Amino acid sequence: MSHLRTHTDDSQRPRNPRYALRKDIEVTTGTIGATLSYPLVARIVSRSGLLLSWASTVHVPFIENTILALTIDPKGDVLKAPVNCLAKVVGRFGIATNREFGVSIVQIDP
């Protein structure tokens, strides 16, 4: 994948390799059943999830353990077609800004 570069993590626990994206991938997300959606970007990907970034100046509207409906690359700019999946919020990062969070993919469309 030419649009990925390896991302290192200083954490002591073993993890799946993470890859920082050379080009941000747009992700549209919202809670299941809600009509309001949020435009985010994926900055880092791993085998099991994504690090998403919220460009707004307000705090990320999701808390840990929230299940989200995601559409990765909704316009098909980077991938061949949009990818729909369900993800669980597993962590929030950037305490001062609170605008990044990690999600673990729970279900993904074939």
N, C-alpha and C. Protein backbone atom coordinates (compact mmCIF):
# COMPACT_ATOMS: atom_id res chain seq x y z
N MET A 1 0.84 -1.18 0.00
CA MET A 1 0.00 0.00 0.00
C MET A 1 0.89 1.24 0.00
N SER A 2 0.91 1.94 -1.07
CA SER A 2 1.81 3.07 -1.21
C SER A 2 1.39 4.29 -0.41
N HIS A 3 0.16 4.35 0.05
CA HIS A 3 -0.29 5.53 0.78
C HIS A 3 -0.11 5.38 2.29
N LEU A 4 0.66 4.36 2.74
CA LEU A 4 0.89 4.13 4.16
C LEU A 4 2.36 4.27 4.51
N ARG A 5 2.66 4.71 5.72
CA ARG A 5 4.02 4.67 6.24
C ARG A 5 3.95 4.17 7.67
N THR A 6 4.97 3.46 8.12
CA THR A 6 4.95 2.85 9.44
C THR A 6 4.93 3.92 10.52
N HIS A 7 4.11 3.69 11.54
CA HIS A 7 4.01 4.56 12.70
C HIS A 7 4.51 3.79 13.90
N THR A 8 5.40 4.39 14.68
CA THR A 8 5.91 3.70 15.85
C THR A 8 5.19 4.19 17.09
N ASP A 9 5.11 3.30 18.07
CA ASP A 9 4.42 3.60 19.32
C ASP A 9 5.36 3.23 20.46
N ASP A 10 5.53 4.11 21.45
CA ASP A 10 6.45 3.86 22.55
C ASP A 10 5.86 3.00 23.64
N SER A 11 4.66 2.54 23.48
CA SER A 11 3.98 1.73 24.50
C SER A 11 4.74 0.43 24.74
N GLN A 12 4.69 -0.08 25.98
CA GLN A 12 5.39 -1.31 26.35
C GLN A 12 4.62 -2.56 25.93
N ARG A 13 3.31 -2.48 25.80
CA ARG A 13 2.56 -3.68 25.46
C ARG A 13 2.64 -3.96 23.96
N PRO A 14 2.64 -5.26 23.61
CA PRO A 14 2.71 -5.59 22.18
C PRO A 14 1.44 -5.14 21.46
N ARG A 15 1.60 -4.63 20.26
CA ARG A 15 0.47 -4.13 19.49
C ARG A 15 0.62 -4.54 18.04
N ASN A 16 -0.48 -4.46 17.35
CA ASN A 16 -0.43 -4.65 15.90
C ASN A 16 0.33 -3.48 15.30
N PRO A 17 1.02 -3.68 14.19
CA PRO A 17 1.68 -2.56 13.54
C PRO A 17 0.67 -1.47 13.19
N ARG A 18 1.10 -0.24 13.29
CA ARG A 18 0.27 0.90 12.95
C ARG A 18 0.92 1.64 11.80
N TYR A 19 0.08 2.22 10.95
CA TYR A 19 0.58 2.91 9.78
C TYR A 19 -0.04 4.30 9.71
N ALA A 20 0.82 5.31 9.70
CA ALA A 20 0.34 6.67 9.51
C ALA A 20 0.06 6.86 8.02
N LEU A 21 -1.06 7.46 7.72
CA LEU A 21 -1.45 7.67 6.33
C LEU A 21 -0.74 8.88 5.75
N ARG A 22 -0.25 8.75 4.54
CA ARG A 22 0.37 9.89 3.87
C ARG A 22 -0.68 10.87 3.37
N LYS A 23 -1.87 10.34 3.15
CA LYS A 23 -3.00 11.18 2.74
C LYS A 23 -4.16 10.84 3.67
N ASP A 24 -4.74 11.87 4.27
CA ASP A 24 -5.89 11.63 5.15
C ASP A 24 -7.02 10.99 4.38
N ILE A 25 -7.71 10.06 5.04
CA ILE A 25 -8.88 9.43 4.44
C ILE A 25 -10.11 9.92 5.19
N GLU A 26 -11.04 10.47 4.45
CA GLU A 26 -12.27 10.98 5.05
C GLU A 26 -13.11 9.84 5.62
N VAL A 27 -13.68 10.07 6.78
CA VAL A 27 -14.56 9.10 7.43
C VAL A 27 -15.79 9.87 7.92
N THR A 28 -16.96 9.37 7.60
CA THR A 28 -18.20 9.95 8.11
C THR A 28 -18.71 9.01 9.19
N THR A 29 -19.06 9.54 10.33
CA THR A 29 -19.48 8.68 11.44
C THR A 29 -20.61 9.29 12.23
N GLY A 30 -21.31 8.43 12.92
CA GLY A 30 -22.40 8.83 13.81
C GLY A 30 -22.80 7.63 14.64
N THR A 31 -23.56 7.88 15.67
CA THR A 31 -24.04 6.77 16.48
C THR A 31 -25.15 6.06 15.72
N ILE A 32 -25.32 4.79 16.00
CA ILE A 32 -26.31 3.98 15.30
C ILE A 32 -27.71 4.55 15.50
N GLY A 33 -28.42 4.74 14.41
CA GLY A 33 -29.78 5.24 14.45
C GLY A 33 -29.91 6.75 14.49
N ALA A 34 -28.80 7.47 14.67
CA ALA A 34 -28.85 8.93 14.70
C ALA A 34 -28.81 9.49 13.29
N THR A 35 -29.43 10.64 13.10
CA THR A 35 -29.41 11.27 11.78
C THR A 35 -28.23 12.22 11.63
N LEU A 36 -27.64 12.65 12.73
CA LEU A 36 -26.51 13.56 12.71
C LEU A 36 -25.23 12.78 12.46
N SER A 37 -24.42 13.24 11.50
CA SER A 37 -23.14 12.57 11.23
C SER A 37 -22.01 13.59 11.38
N TYR A 38 -20.81 13.07 11.57
CA TYR A 38 -19.65 13.92 11.82
C TYR A 38 -18.56 13.60 10.80
N PRO A 39 -17.99 14.64 10.15
CA PRO A 39 -16.90 14.41 9.21
C PRO A 39 -15.57 14.32 9.99
N LEU A 40 -14.90 13.19 9.85
CA LEU A 40 -13.63 12.96 10.53
C LEU A 40 -12.60 12.55 9.48
N VAL A 41 -11.34 12.44 9.90
CA VAL A 41 -10.32 11.89 9.03
C VAL A 41 -9.57 10.80 9.77
N ALA A 42 -9.21 9.75 9.04
CA ALA A 42 -8.38 8.68 9.58
C ALA A 42 -6.94 9.11 9.38
N ARG A 43 -6.16 9.07 10.46
CA ARG A 43 -4.76 9.48 10.39
C ARG A 43 -3.82 8.28 10.50
N ILE A 44 -4.23 7.28 11.27
CA ILE A 44 -3.43 6.08 11.47
C ILE A 44 -4.35 4.87 11.35
N VAL A 45 -3.88 3.81 10.71
CA VAL A 45 -4.64 2.57 10.61
C VAL A 45 -3.82 1.43 11.18
N SER A 46 -4.51 0.43 11.69
CA SER A 46 -3.88 -0.82 12.12
C SER A 46 -4.75 -1.95 11.61
N ARG A 47 -4.37 -3.16 11.92
CA ARG A 47 -5.15 -4.31 11.46
C ARG A 47 -6.55 -4.30 12.05
N SER A 48 -6.71 -3.74 13.24
CA SER A 48 -8.01 -3.82 13.93
C SER A 48 -8.73 -2.49 14.11
N GLY A 49 -8.14 -1.38 13.70
CA GLY A 49 -8.83 -0.12 13.94
C GLY A 49 -8.20 1.08 13.29
N LEU A 50 -8.66 2.25 13.74
CA LEU A 50 -8.25 3.54 13.17
C LEU A 50 -8.04 4.56 14.28
N LEU A 51 -7.16 5.52 14.02
CA LEU A 51 -7.10 6.73 14.85
C LEU A 51 -7.79 7.81 14.04
N LEU A 52 -8.88 8.34 14.58
CA LEU A 52 -9.67 9.35 13.88
C LEU A 52 -9.43 10.72 14.49
N SER A 53 -9.52 11.73 13.67
CA SER A 53 -9.30 13.10 14.11
C SER A 53 -10.52 13.95 13.76
N TRP A 54 -10.89 14.80 14.68
CA TRP A 54 -12.05 15.67 14.58
C TRP A 54 -11.52 17.08 14.38
N ALA A 55 -11.80 17.73 13.27
CA ALA A 55 -11.24 19.04 12.95
C ALA A 55 -11.91 20.19 13.67
N SER A 56 -13.05 19.97 14.26
CA SER A 56 -13.79 21.04 14.93
C SER A 56 -13.06 21.49 16.19
N THR A 57 -13.36 22.68 16.64
CA THR A 57 -12.76 23.19 17.87
C THR A 57 -13.49 22.70 19.12
N VAL A 58 -14.61 22.04 18.94
CA VAL A 58 -15.33 21.49 20.09
C VAL A 58 -14.83 20.06 20.36
N HIS A 59 -15.09 19.55 21.55
CA HIS A 59 -14.64 18.22 21.92
C HIS A 59 -15.29 17.14 21.05
N VAL A 60 -14.59 16.02 20.91
CA VAL A 60 -15.13 14.87 20.20
C VAL A 60 -16.44 14.48 20.87
N PRO A 61 -17.49 14.28 20.11
CA PRO A 61 -18.80 14.03 20.71
C PRO A 61 -19.05 12.60 21.17
N PHE A 62 -18.02 11.74 21.17
CA PHE A 62 -18.21 10.34 21.55
C PHE A 62 -17.38 9.99 22.77
N ILE A 63 -17.90 9.10 23.59
CA ILE A 63 -17.17 8.63 24.76
C ILE A 63 -16.70 7.19 24.51
N GLU A 64 -15.81 6.70 25.37
CA GLU A 64 -15.35 5.33 25.23
C GLU A 64 -16.51 4.35 25.29
N ASN A 65 -16.39 3.28 24.53
CA ASN A 65 -17.38 2.21 24.40
C ASN A 65 -18.58 2.57 23.54
N THR A 66 -18.62 3.76 22.98
CA THR A 66 -19.70 4.13 22.05
C THR A 66 -19.53 3.31 20.77
N ILE A 67 -20.61 2.75 20.28
CA ILE A 67 -20.60 2.03 19.00
C ILE A 67 -20.98 3.02 17.91
N LEU A 68 -20.15 3.08 16.88
CA LEU A 68 -20.35 4.03 15.78
C LEU A 68 -20.55 3.31 14.46
N ALA A 69 -21.34 3.92 13.60
CA ALA A 69 -21.46 3.49 12.22
C ALA A 69 -20.51 4.37 11.41
N LEU A 70 -19.54 3.76 10.74
CA LEU A 70 -18.54 4.50 9.98
C LEU A 70 -18.70 4.25 8.49
N THR A 71 -18.46 5.27 7.70
CA THR A 71 -18.29 5.11 6.27
C THR A 71 -16.90 5.65 5.96
N ILE A 72 -16.00 4.76 5.59
CA ILE A 72 -14.63 5.14 5.29
C ILE A 72 -14.55 5.50 3.82
N ASP A 73 -13.98 6.67 3.54
CA ASP A 73 -13.85 7.20 2.17
C ASP A 73 -15.22 7.27 1.48
N PRO A 74 -16.17 8.03 2.05
CA PRO A 74 -17.54 8.06 1.51
C PRO A 74 -17.64 8.50 0.04
N LYS A 75 -16.69 9.27 -0.45
CA LYS A 75 -16.74 9.73 -1.84
C LYS A 75 -15.95 8.82 -2.78
N GLY A 76 -15.24 7.83 -2.21
CA GLY A 76 -14.43 6.94 -3.04
C GLY A 76 -13.21 7.63 -3.62
N ASP A 77 -12.65 8.63 -2.91
CA ASP A 77 -11.48 9.36 -3.40
C ASP A 77 -10.19 8.54 -3.33
N VAL A 78 -10.06 7.69 -2.32
CA VAL A 78 -8.83 6.93 -2.09
C VAL A 78 -9.02 5.45 -2.36
N LEU A 79 -10.10 4.90 -1.88
CA LEU A 79 -10.41 3.49 -2.07
C LEU A 79 -11.27 3.31 -3.31
N LYS A 80 -11.43 2.08 -3.76
CA LYS A 80 -12.26 1.83 -4.94
C LYS A 80 -13.72 2.16 -4.70
N ALA A 81 -14.16 1.99 -3.45
CA ALA A 81 -15.56 2.26 -3.09
C ALA A 81 -15.61 2.55 -1.59
N PRO A 82 -16.64 3.25 -1.12
CA PRO A 82 -16.78 3.48 0.31
C PRO A 82 -16.87 2.16 1.07
N VAL A 83 -16.35 2.15 2.30
CA VAL A 83 -16.39 0.97 3.16
C VAL A 83 -17.24 1.30 4.38
N ASN A 84 -18.28 0.50 4.61
CA ASN A 84 -19.14 0.69 5.78
C ASN A 84 -18.76 -0.30 6.86
N CYS A 85 -18.74 0.17 8.10
CA CYS A 85 -18.41 -0.73 9.20
C CYS A 85 -18.97 -0.18 10.51
N LEU A 86 -18.95 -1.02 11.52
CA LEU A 86 -19.27 -0.63 12.89
C LEU A 86 -17.97 -0.64 13.67
N ALA A 87 -17.82 0.32 14.56
CA ALA A 87 -16.60 0.42 15.36
C ALA A 87 -16.95 0.83 16.79
N LYS A 88 -16.07 0.48 17.69
CA LYS A 88 -16.23 0.82 19.11
C LYS A 88 -15.12 1.79 19.49
N VAL A 89 -15.48 2.89 20.15
CA VAL A 89 -14.50 3.85 20.62
C VAL A 89 -13.71 3.20 21.76
N VAL A 90 -12.37 3.12 21.60
CA VAL A 90 -11.54 2.46 22.60
C VAL A 90 -10.62 3.41 23.34
N GLY A 91 -10.49 4.63 22.88
CA GLY A 91 -9.63 5.59 23.58
C GLY A 91 -9.75 6.97 23.00
N ARG A 92 -9.49 7.95 23.87
CA ARG A 92 -9.49 9.35 23.44
C ARG A 92 -8.10 9.90 23.68
N PHE A 93 -7.63 10.73 22.76
CA PHE A 93 -6.26 11.22 22.83
C PHE A 93 -6.26 12.73 22.66
N GLY A 94 -5.14 13.35 23.00
CA GLY A 94 -5.05 14.80 22.91
C GLY A 94 -5.89 15.43 24.01
N ILE A 95 -5.52 15.16 25.26
CA ILE A 95 -6.31 15.61 26.42
C ILE A 95 -6.64 17.10 26.33
N ALA A 96 -5.69 17.92 25.93
CA ALA A 96 -5.95 19.37 25.87
C ALA A 96 -7.00 19.70 24.81
N THR A 97 -6.92 19.04 23.66
CA THR A 97 -7.85 19.35 22.58
C THR A 97 -9.01 18.37 22.54
N ASN A 98 -8.75 17.12 22.98
CA ASN A 98 -9.78 16.08 23.01
C ASN A 98 -10.42 15.88 21.65
N ARG A 99 -9.58 15.93 20.59
CA ARG A 99 -10.12 15.84 19.24
C ARG A 99 -9.65 14.63 18.46
N GLU A 100 -9.04 13.66 19.12
CA GLU A 100 -8.65 12.43 18.45
C GLU A 100 -9.13 11.25 19.28
N PHE A 101 -9.50 10.18 18.59
CA PHE A 101 -9.90 8.99 19.32
C PHE A 101 -9.66 7.75 18.48
N GLY A 102 -9.39 6.66 19.19
CA GLY A 102 -9.16 5.39 18.53
C GLY A 102 -10.43 4.57 18.50
N VAL A 103 -10.62 3.87 17.41
CA VAL A 103 -11.77 2.97 17.29
C VAL A 103 -11.27 1.59 16.88
N SER A 104 -11.94 0.58 17.40
CA SER A 104 -11.70 -0.80 17.03
C SER A 104 -12.83 -1.24 16.12
N ILE A 105 -12.49 -1.81 14.96
CA ILE A 105 -13.51 -2.26 14.03
C ILE A 105 -14.20 -3.49 14.61
N VAL A 106 -15.52 -3.43 14.69
CA VAL A 106 -16.33 -4.52 15.24
C VAL A 106 -16.90 -5.38 14.11
N GLN A 107 -17.37 -4.72 13.06
CA GLN A 107 -17.95 -5.41 11.91
C GLN A 107 -17.65 -4.57 10.67
N ILE A 108 -17.34 -5.25 9.58
CA ILE A 108 -17.05 -4.53 8.35
C ILE A 108 -17.76 -5.22 7.19
N ASP A 109 -18.30 -4.42 6.28
CA ASP A 109 -18.97 -4.98 5.10
C ASP A 109 -17.95 -5.71 4.24
N PRO A 110 -18.36 -6.82 3.65
CA PRO A 110 -17.43 -7.58 2.78
C PRO A 110 -17.04 -6.76 1.55
